[in-house]
Each structure stands twice: as C-alpha cells, then as structure tokens.
C-alpha cells in the first residue's frame, strides 16, 4: 500500500484526493493546508484522513511514501525539495516551478535522491492525446509539418501569473510529448488589456529541428471557448478538439502534393489536393486524472520513470520562461540550449529509476 499526503486543499486538491482514493494500492493518509476551513469538509468526507495545517507532520511520518503538491507555483520549490529530502516521492502540479533554474534544482534533487518526481501535466494522460501520439509514432501522419493550437476563453483571469503560465503549459506539454523533442527557438507576442504587467493574450511560436513549427494561441479575452489542436503531416492530418463530447480526435486523409511538369526549367508546377475520408477512432472513456494518479502509484511501486517526469517538467518551464521573455522584448526570438539529464532520454520517455524501492 502506497501512503500519500496531499498538500493543498484548494481547487485541485480535492480532485486528487478523490482519484487517489480510488486507485488500487494507494491510500491518502494526510491532507495539509494552511486554511482550516478547507480541511473541514474533507475530514467529513474522508473519516480516515488526517488533516493538518503543518505539512511537516506528514513529512516526518515514516509511513508516508509520497507527497502530492497542489499549491501555488511560488511554493513548489520549498515543498518539493523538503519532501524529496525527507525521502518522499513527489507529484507536483503544473508547472513544476516558476523558473527553469528552480525546475532544474528540483529535478536534480529527485535524481540524486533516487525518488520518483512526476509533474501533473494531466492532458498527457488523456486518451485523446495518447491516441494522437500513437498515430504519430506509427507514421500515419507521415512527416510532421506543423502544429496549430488554440486554448482561449472569456476568463478566468489570474492575478499572479500571465496567460502563458496559466494556459500554455497544457499545449506546450502536449506538443513536446507528441514530437518527443524540445524546440530550438521560441518567440511570442502578447499584451495586457485588463491588468498591468499581466498579459491576458499571447501568440507563441516554437521552432523545432527539421522545419517543424508549432503555434499556440492562449487568451482570457475570447468570446468563445476553444480547445482545439491541429497536426499537419505529409500524409494525413489530425484534429484534437477537447470540447467535443464524442469525437475528440478526427483523422483527415487530406493533403497536397506538388508535381513538377517541366524537369528542366521547373517553371510549371501542378498541385494535387487530396480530400479523403475522415476517421474518428474509438477512445477509452476514463478520467485523465485517474490515469495520472494510477501511473504515479505504478512508478513508485515498480521503479519506473514517469511519462511526465522531471525532465519533461523542466522542458515545459524553459519554454514558458522563454515565451514570456520574448513577449516582453517585443517578440525577439529566444534560442534554447537544453541539456537533457544523463538518466532520461527525450523529454517524456518512460524508463526505470537506477535503484528503485
């Protein structure tokens, strides 16, 4: 039995407690929050749960195997490092940290202590997202040309972070997971319309090797809610729309081919446009957060490296940081020089810890 402590009983904490409570082999032993009013309803709902305002009570309990952190990003560094140094496995809600330097510090601490570090990029555990990943890996789309993503709605405005740090972690983590690599360059444009210095709309461009590009539009100032991503390949195209009730993924047998009619002058070109069938594959009906929680427990039990490991968390924070810098410097392109961990291949590949419990 894996015993867990959840730190943070605000919006997301109760969802984590509910899901972990239904994962076989897991038991939530503690929930910690400074606000006693948030702890009271959880104590009534889960009678076996120990509630406390001091998270050190959970860290000092040798029966606690892992800590789940669902608190503001400004607190992630201290809480994660304290938990790792106490010998606990750690799940941190996205983003891993507020700076790439801090994110790297947390990831390095986890590797040195040989503890599981997982970042709560929940969309990576969405059956629709994993289906698109499967299509890409099977070569169904051919060579990937570009990805276009929109995550916009009217509100909810944040008061401590801009729209990039609020909404873009979802799209950045999905794109890096699908492509299995990090961008070489990042640029962004955006502006603040309702609050000074807190941008509520942004347009982000990621440039990868082999001419692959990704564009992300995030906004709190849109009249309509959109959660749509298009992946264009040389063979086929796919649209992932998270707001669709049934057909979240649609594979389009569409594309364009250019034929050279005059091989000597190459002056005349003919383009053939192919518009074929549209396929919507069957997807598992399961709550992504449940899959994420079960994966965390599995990684602790079996010594696996999580799909959204510390390196994946660092990569996402690097992109968010670079995008914000670019936006505030008028869209200047920021070159990224990521140094992958020697123990982890890629940005989110699964493997094994060196010496797992």
Protein backbone atom coordinates (compact mmCIF):
# COMPACT_ATOMS: atom_id res chain seq x y z
CA UNK A 1 0.00 0.00 0.00
CA UNK A 2 1.38 3.40 -1.05
CA UNK A 3 0.53 6.06 1.56
CA UNK A 4 0.26 9.62 0.28
CA UNK A 5 0.00 13.13 1.69
CA UNK A 6 -1.71 15.83 -0.36
CA UNK A 7 -0.52 19.38 0.28
CA UNK A 8 -3.11 21.92 -0.84
CA UNK A 9 -6.86 21.56 -0.35
CA UNK A 10 -7.99 24.32 -2.69
CA UNK A 11 -9.48 23.81 -6.16
CA UNK A 12 -7.41 20.84 -7.36
CA UNK A 13 -6.51 19.11 -4.10
CA UNK A 14 -9.95 17.52 -3.55
CA UNK A 15 -9.86 16.11 -7.10
CA UNK A 16 -6.52 14.48 -6.38
CA UNK A 17 -7.77 13.03 -3.10
CA UNK A 18 -10.87 11.63 -4.80
CA UNK A 19 -8.87 9.95 -7.57
CA UNK A 20 -6.07 8.59 -5.41
CA UNK A 21 -8.69 7.17 -3.04
CA UNK A 22 -9.97 5.04 -5.92
CA UNK A 23 -6.59 3.81 -7.17
CA UNK A 24 -5.88 0.22 -6.07
CA UNK A 25 -2.84 0.04 -3.81
CA UNK A 26 -2.99 3.71 -2.77
CA UNK A 27 -4.26 5.42 0.37
CA UNK A 28 -4.37 9.15 1.09
CA UNK A 29 -3.20 9.43 4.70
CA UNK A 30 -2.85 13.21 5.08
CA UNK A 31 -4.18 16.41 3.60
CA UNK A 32 -2.38 19.62 4.54
CA UNK A 33 -3.49 23.21 4.11
CA UNK A 34 -2.96 26.47 5.99
CA UNK A 35 -6.68 27.23 5.75
CA UNK A 36 -8.57 25.12 8.30
CA UNK A 37 -11.86 25.93 6.57
CA UNK A 38 -10.72 23.97 3.52
CA UNK A 39 -9.78 20.96 5.62
CA UNK A 40 -13.09 20.60 7.46
CA UNK A 41 -15.24 19.28 4.58
CA UNK A 42 -12.53 16.81 3.58
CA UNK A 43 -12.34 15.46 7.12
CA UNK A 44 -16.09 14.81 6.99
CA UNK A 45 -15.95 13.19 3.57
CA UNK A 46 -12.91 11.00 4.33
CA UNK A 47 -13.05 9.96 8.01
CA UNK A 48 -9.73 8.09 7.88
CA UNK A 49 -7.89 11.12 6.56
CA UNK A 50 -5.59 13.05 8.89
CA UNK A 51 -5.89 16.80 8.36
CA UNK A 52 -3.18 19.21 9.42
CA UNK A 53 -2.05 22.78 8.85
CA UNK A 54 1.62 21.75 9.18
CA UNK A 55 2.89 19.67 6.25
CA UNK A 56 5.97 18.69 8.27
CA UNK A 57 3.71 16.38 10.23
CA UNK A 58 3.27 14.31 7.08
CA UNK A 59 6.93 14.56 6.07
CA UNK A 60 8.00 13.25 9.46
CA UNK A 61 5.69 10.25 9.29
CA UNK A 62 7.74 7.23 8.10
CA UNK A 63 4.56 5.58 6.81
CA UNK A 64 4.09 8.32 4.18
CA UNK A 65 5.69 7.21 0.92
CA UNK A 66 4.81 10.11 -1.35
CA UNK A 67 3.72 13.74 -1.34
CA UNK A 68 1.35 15.37 -3.83
CA UNK A 69 1.74 19.14 -4.14
CA UNK A 70 -1.28 21.15 -5.32
CA UNK A 71 -0.33 24.65 -4.20
CA UNK A 72 0.58 27.93 -5.98
CA UNK A 73 3.67 27.63 -8.16
CA UNK A 74 5.60 30.06 -5.93
CA UNK A 75 5.57 27.40 -3.18
CA UNK A 76 6.63 24.44 -5.31
CA UNK A 77 10.38 24.77 -4.77
CA UNK A 78 10.35 24.64 -0.98
CA UNK A 79 7.65 21.99 -0.69
CA UNK A 80 9.14 19.71 -3.35
CA UNK A 81 12.70 19.96 -2.02
CA UNK A 82 11.56 19.42 1.58
CA UNK A 83 9.60 16.33 0.53
CA UNK A 84 12.41 14.87 -1.59
CA UNK A 85 14.97 15.45 1.16
CA UNK A 86 12.61 13.69 3.57
CA UNK A 87 12.83 10.65 1.30
CA UNK A 88 9.37 11.01 -0.24
CA UNK A 89 8.35 10.51 -3.86
CA UNK A 90 6.77 13.68 -5.26
CA UNK A 91 3.99 14.63 -7.66
CA UNK A 92 3.91 18.39 -8.36
CA UNK A 93 1.05 20.09 -10.17
CA UNK A 94 1.95 22.01 -13.32
CA UNK A 95 4.08 23.93 -13.89
CA UNK A 96 6.94 22.32 -11.99
CA UNK A 97 8.38 25.70 -10.93
CA UNK A 98 8.34 29.40 -11.70
CA UNK A 99 11.80 29.43 -13.31
CA UNK A 100 13.83 26.92 -15.29
CA UNK A 101 16.65 27.23 -12.73
CA UNK A 102 14.31 26.20 -9.91
CA UNK A 103 12.76 23.44 -12.01
CA UNK A 104 16.24 22.05 -12.70
CA UNK A 105 17.07 22.20 -8.98
CA UNK A 106 14.01 20.10 -8.14
CA UNK A 107 14.70 17.59 -10.94
CA UNK A 108 18.33 17.22 -9.91
CA UNK A 109 17.36 16.69 -6.27
CA UNK A 110 14.95 13.92 -7.27
CA UNK A 111 17.59 12.20 -9.37
CA UNK A 112 20.23 12.43 -6.64
CA UNK A 113 17.84 11.10 -4.01
CA UNK A 114 16.56 8.42 -6.42
CA UNK A 115 12.95 9.35 -5.76
CA UNK A 116 10.13 9.47 -8.31
CA UNK A 117 9.39 13.02 -9.46
CA UNK A 118 6.29 13.47 -11.57
CA UNK A 119 4.68 16.66 -12.91
CA UNK A 120 0.91 16.91 -13.14
CA UNK A 121 0.58 17.56 -16.86
CA UNK A 122 -2.78 15.82 -16.82
CA UNK A 123 -3.51 16.14 -20.54
CA UNK A 124 -0.67 13.74 -21.32
CA UNK A 125 -2.85 11.06 -19.71
CA UNK A 126 -5.91 11.98 -21.78
CA UNK A 127 -6.88 9.05 -24.09
CA UNK A 128 -7.34 11.51 -26.97
CA UNK A 129 -3.82 12.89 -26.57
CA UNK A 130 -2.28 9.42 -26.29
CA UNK A 131 -4.20 8.35 -29.42
CA UNK A 132 -2.66 11.19 -31.43
CA UNK A 133 0.76 10.24 -30.05
CA UNK A 134 0.15 6.68 -31.25
CA UNK A 135 -0.79 7.93 -34.74
CA UNK A 136 2.39 9.99 -34.96
CA UNK A 137 4.62 7.15 -33.78
CA UNK A 138 3.01 4.71 -36.22
CA UNK A 139 3.80 7.09 -39.08
CA UNK A 140 0.14 7.59 -40.00
CA UNK A 141 0.63 11.33 -40.46
CA UNK A 142 3.93 10.99 -42.27
CA UNK A 143 6.48 13.75 -41.77
CA UNK A 144 5.14 16.32 -39.31
CA UNK A 145 4.98 19.80 -40.84
CA UNK A 146 3.40 21.98 -38.17
CA UNK A 147 1.04 22.08 -35.18
CA UNK A 148 -1.53 24.80 -34.51
CA UNK A 149 -3.25 25.06 -31.13
CA UNK A 150 -5.87 27.38 -29.61
CA UNK A 151 -6.77 27.47 -25.92
CA UNK A 152 -8.96 30.52 -25.39
CA UNK A 153 -12.00 31.56 -23.37
CA UNK A 154 -13.50 34.56 -21.56
CA UNK A 155 -11.73 34.41 -18.16
CA UNK A 156 -10.74 33.21 -15.66
CA UNK A 157 -8.19 35.98 -15.19
CA UNK A 158 -5.35 35.25 -12.78
CA UNK A 159 -3.80 37.87 -10.56
CA UNK A 160 -0.32 36.43 -10.01
CA UNK A 161 0.61 34.84 -13.37
CA UNK A 162 0.02 35.76 -17.00
CA UNK A 163 -1.95 33.76 -19.56
CA UNK A 164 1.16 31.95 -20.80
CA UNK A 165 1.87 30.43 -17.40
CA UNK A 166 -1.82 29.71 -16.80
CA UNK A 167 -2.95 28.10 -20.06
CA UNK A 168 0.09 27.36 -22.23
CA UNK A 169 1.57 24.61 -20.00
CA UNK A 170 -1.15 22.31 -21.35
CA UNK A 171 -0.35 22.93 -25.01
CA UNK A 172 3.41 23.02 -24.57
CA UNK A 173 3.44 19.72 -22.68
CA UNK A 174 1.19 18.07 -25.29
CA UNK A 175 3.30 19.28 -28.22
CA UNK A 176 6.60 18.19 -26.64
CA UNK A 177 5.05 14.82 -25.81
CA UNK A 178 3.79 14.30 -29.36
CA UNK A 179 7.04 15.33 -31.03
CA UNK A 180 9.34 13.74 -28.46
CA UNK A 181 11.81 16.62 -28.67
CA UNK A 182 12.38 20.13 -27.43
CA UNK A 183 12.21 23.33 -29.51
CA UNK A 184 15.31 25.10 -30.72
CA UNK A 185 13.79 28.59 -30.66
CA UNK A 186 10.81 30.31 -29.04
CA UNK A 187 9.15 33.63 -29.81
CA UNK A 188 5.93 35.24 -28.61
CA UNK A 189 3.76 38.31 -28.90
CA UNK A 190 1.12 39.36 -26.42
CA UNK A 191 -0.38 42.14 -24.40
CA UNK A 192 -2.14 43.04 -21.17
CA UNK A 193 -5.53 44.69 -21.54
CA UNK A 194 -7.23 44.35 -18.16
CA UNK A 195 -4.28 44.25 -15.73
CA UNK A 196 -0.91 45.97 -15.89
CA UNK A 197 2.03 43.61 -16.43
CA UNK A 198 -0.21 40.50 -16.53
CA UNK A 199 -0.72 39.62 -20.17
CA UNK A 200 -4.12 38.14 -20.99
CA UNK A 201 -3.48 37.20 -24.63
CA UNK A 202 -0.41 35.67 -26.27
CA UNK A 203 0.67 34.08 -29.55
CA UNK A 204 3.62 31.69 -29.15
CA UNK A 205 5.76 30.13 -31.88
CA UNK A 206 8.01 27.13 -31.28
CA UNK A 207 10.63 26.13 -33.87
CA UNK A 208 11.98 22.59 -33.89
CA UNK A 209 14.57 20.76 -35.95
CA UNK A 210 13.62 19.62 -39.48
CA UNK A 211 11.49 22.73 -40.12
CA UNK A 212 8.76 21.62 -37.71
CA UNK A 213 6.83 24.55 -36.24
CA UNK A 214 4.13 24.91 -33.59
CA UNK A 215 1.86 27.86 -32.95
CA UNK A 216 -0.04 28.34 -29.69
CA UNK A 217 -2.77 30.93 -29.12
CA UNK A 218 -3.80 31.44 -25.49
CA UNK A 219 -6.24 34.06 -24.25
CA UNK A 220 -8.59 35.00 -21.40
CA UNK A 221 -10.25 37.52 -23.75
CA UNK A 222 -12.17 35.43 -26.27
CA UNK A 223 -15.97 35.34 -26.66
CA UNK A 224 -15.91 31.61 -27.43
CA UNK A 225 -14.16 28.78 -25.62
CA UNK A 226 -11.78 26.78 -27.82
CA UNK A 227 -9.60 23.78 -27.01
CA UNK A 228 -8.51 22.67 -30.46
CA UNK A 229 -5.18 21.46 -31.86
CA UNK A 230 -4.38 20.57 -35.48
CA UNK A 231 -1.39 18.47 -36.53
CA UNK A 232 -0.49 18.64 -40.22
CA UNK A 233 1.65 15.90 -41.73
CA UNK A 234 2.84 14.95 -45.18
CA UNK A 235 0.40 12.01 -45.39
CA UNK A 236 -2.57 12.91 -43.21
CA UNK A 237 -3.81 15.49 -40.73
CA UNK A 238 -5.45 15.16 -37.33
CA UNK A 239 -7.60 17.49 -35.23
CA UNK A 240 -7.90 17.07 -31.47
CA UNK A 241 -10.83 19.01 -30.01
CA UNK A 242 -11.15 18.52 -26.27
CA UNK A 243 -14.58 20.19 -26.19
CA UNK A 244 -16.12 17.53 -28.43
CA UNK A 245 -18.30 15.20 -26.41
CA UNK A 246 -17.73 12.08 -28.52
CA UNK A 247 -15.36 12.57 -31.47
CA UNK A 248 -12.42 14.30 -29.80
CA UNK A 249 -9.94 13.03 -32.41
CA UNK A 250 -10.55 13.18 -36.16
CA UNK A 251 -8.05 11.86 -38.69
CA UNK A 252 -8.29 13.52 -42.11
CA UNK A 253 -6.97 11.68 -45.16
CA UNK A 254 -6.13 15.02 -46.71
CA UNK A 255 -3.00 16.63 -48.12
CA UNK A 256 -1.35 18.34 -51.02
CA UNK A 257 1.28 17.13 -53.47
CA UNK A 258 3.31 19.22 -55.89
CA UNK A 259 4.28 17.65 -59.23
CA UNK A 260 6.97 19.23 -61.41
CA UNK A 261 5.79 19.21 -65.03
CA UNK A 262 8.95 20.61 -66.58
CA UNK A 263 12.00 18.93 -65.06
CA UNK A 264 14.40 21.21 -66.96
CA UNK A 265 13.03 24.65 -66.16
CA UNK A 266 10.90 23.63 -63.17
CA UNK A 267 8.82 26.65 -64.05
CA UNK A 268 5.48 24.91 -64.19
CA UNK A 269 4.07 23.26 -61.11
CA UNK A 270 0.87 21.32 -60.55
CA UNK A 271 -0.59 20.76 -57.14
CA UNK A 272 -2.82 17.82 -56.36
CA UNK A 273 -5.15 18.30 -53.42
CA UNK A 274 -6.39 15.16 -51.73
CA UNK A 275 -9.55 15.28 -49.63
CA UNK A 276 -10.42 11.79 -48.45
CA UNK A 277 -12.21 10.12 -45.60
CA UNK A 278 -12.46 11.39 -42.03
CA UNK A 279 -11.94 8.78 -39.32
CA UNK A 280 -12.79 9.23 -35.64
CA UNK A 281 -11.16 6.43 -33.62
CA UNK A 282 -12.73 4.91 -30.53
CA UNK A 283 -11.26 6.28 -27.30
CA UNK A 284 -11.29 4.86 -23.80
CA UNK A 285 -13.76 6.58 -21.51
CA UNK A 286 -11.67 7.31 -18.43
CA UNK A 287 -10.85 10.39 -16.36
CA UNK A 288 -7.31 11.52 -17.30
CA UNK A 289 -6.56 12.46 -13.69
CA UNK A 290 -7.38 8.90 -12.63
CA UNK A 291 -4.87 7.59 -15.17
CA UNK A 292 -2.27 10.10 -13.94
CA UNK A 293 -2.75 9.11 -10.30
CA UNK A 294 -2.57 5.39 -11.11
CA UNK A 295 0.61 5.99 -13.14
CA UNK A 296 2.25 7.79 -10.21
CA UNK A 297 1.50 4.86 -7.90
CA UNK A 298 2.75 2.40 -10.54
CA UNK A 299 6.03 4.31 -10.93
CA UNK A 300 6.62 4.25 -7.16
CA UNK A 301 5.75 0.57 -6.88
CA UNK A 302 7.69 -0.64 -9.93
CA UNK A 303 10.54 1.87 -10.02
CA UNK A 304 9.51 3.39 -13.36
CA UNK A 305 10.30 6.86 -14.63
CA UNK A 306 7.00 8.73 -15.15
CA UNK A 307 5.75 9.74 -18.55
CA UNK A 308 5.72 13.34 -17.27
CA UNK A 309 9.00 13.12 -15.40
CA UNK A 310 11.15 15.90 -14.02
CA UNK A 311 12.92 16.43 -17.32
CA UNK A 312 9.59 16.91 -19.08
CA UNK A 313 8.65 19.43 -16.40
CA UNK A 314 11.92 21.32 -16.86
CA UNK A 315 11.41 21.43 -20.64
CA UNK A 316 7.94 22.95 -20.30
CA UNK A 317 9.14 25.60 -17.84
CA UNK A 318 12.00 26.53 -20.19
CA UNK A 319 9.52 27.18 -22.99
CA UNK A 320 7.17 29.22 -20.77
CA UNK A 321 10.08 31.27 -19.47
CA UNK A 322 11.45 31.91 -22.96
CA UNK A 323 8.00 32.80 -24.32
CA UNK A 324 7.42 35.35 -21.56
CA UNK A 325 10.86 36.87 -22.12
CA UNK A 326 10.28 37.09 -25.87
CA UNK A 327 6.83 38.65 -25.40
CA UNK A 328 8.23 41.33 -23.10
CA UNK A 329 11.07 42.05 -25.52
CA UNK A 330 8.78 42.72 -28.47
CA UNK A 331 8.78 39.22 -29.90
CA UNK A 332 12.54 38.65 -30.01
CA UNK A 333 13.42 35.06 -30.84
CA UNK A 334 14.95 33.22 -27.88
CA UNK A 335 17.37 30.38 -28.59
CA UNK A 336 17.07 27.39 -26.28
CA UNK A 337 20.04 25.21 -25.39
CA UNK A 338 18.52 22.44 -23.27
CA UNK A 339 20.85 19.95 -21.64
CA UNK A 340 18.99 16.65 -21.15
CA UNK A 341 19.51 14.64 -17.99
CA UNK A 342 22.04 11.80 -18.35
CA UNK A 343 19.46 9.43 -16.84
CA UNK A 344 16.48 10.26 -19.03
CA UNK A 345 16.19 10.03 -22.81
CA UNK A 346 13.98 12.52 -24.60
CA UNK A 347 11.52 14.85 -22.90
CA UNK A 348 8.98 12.38 -21.62
CA UNK A 349 10.07 8.85 -22.40
CA UNK A 350 9.37 6.20 -19.81
CA UNK A 351 12.20 4.18 -18.34
CA UNK A 352 13.37 2.95 -14.95
CA UNK A 353 14.97 4.57 -11.95
CA UNK A 354 18.51 3.43 -11.29
CA UNK A 355 17.78 1.98 -7.85
CA UNK A 356 14.08 1.88 -7.17
CA UNK A 357 12.48 0.75 -3.94
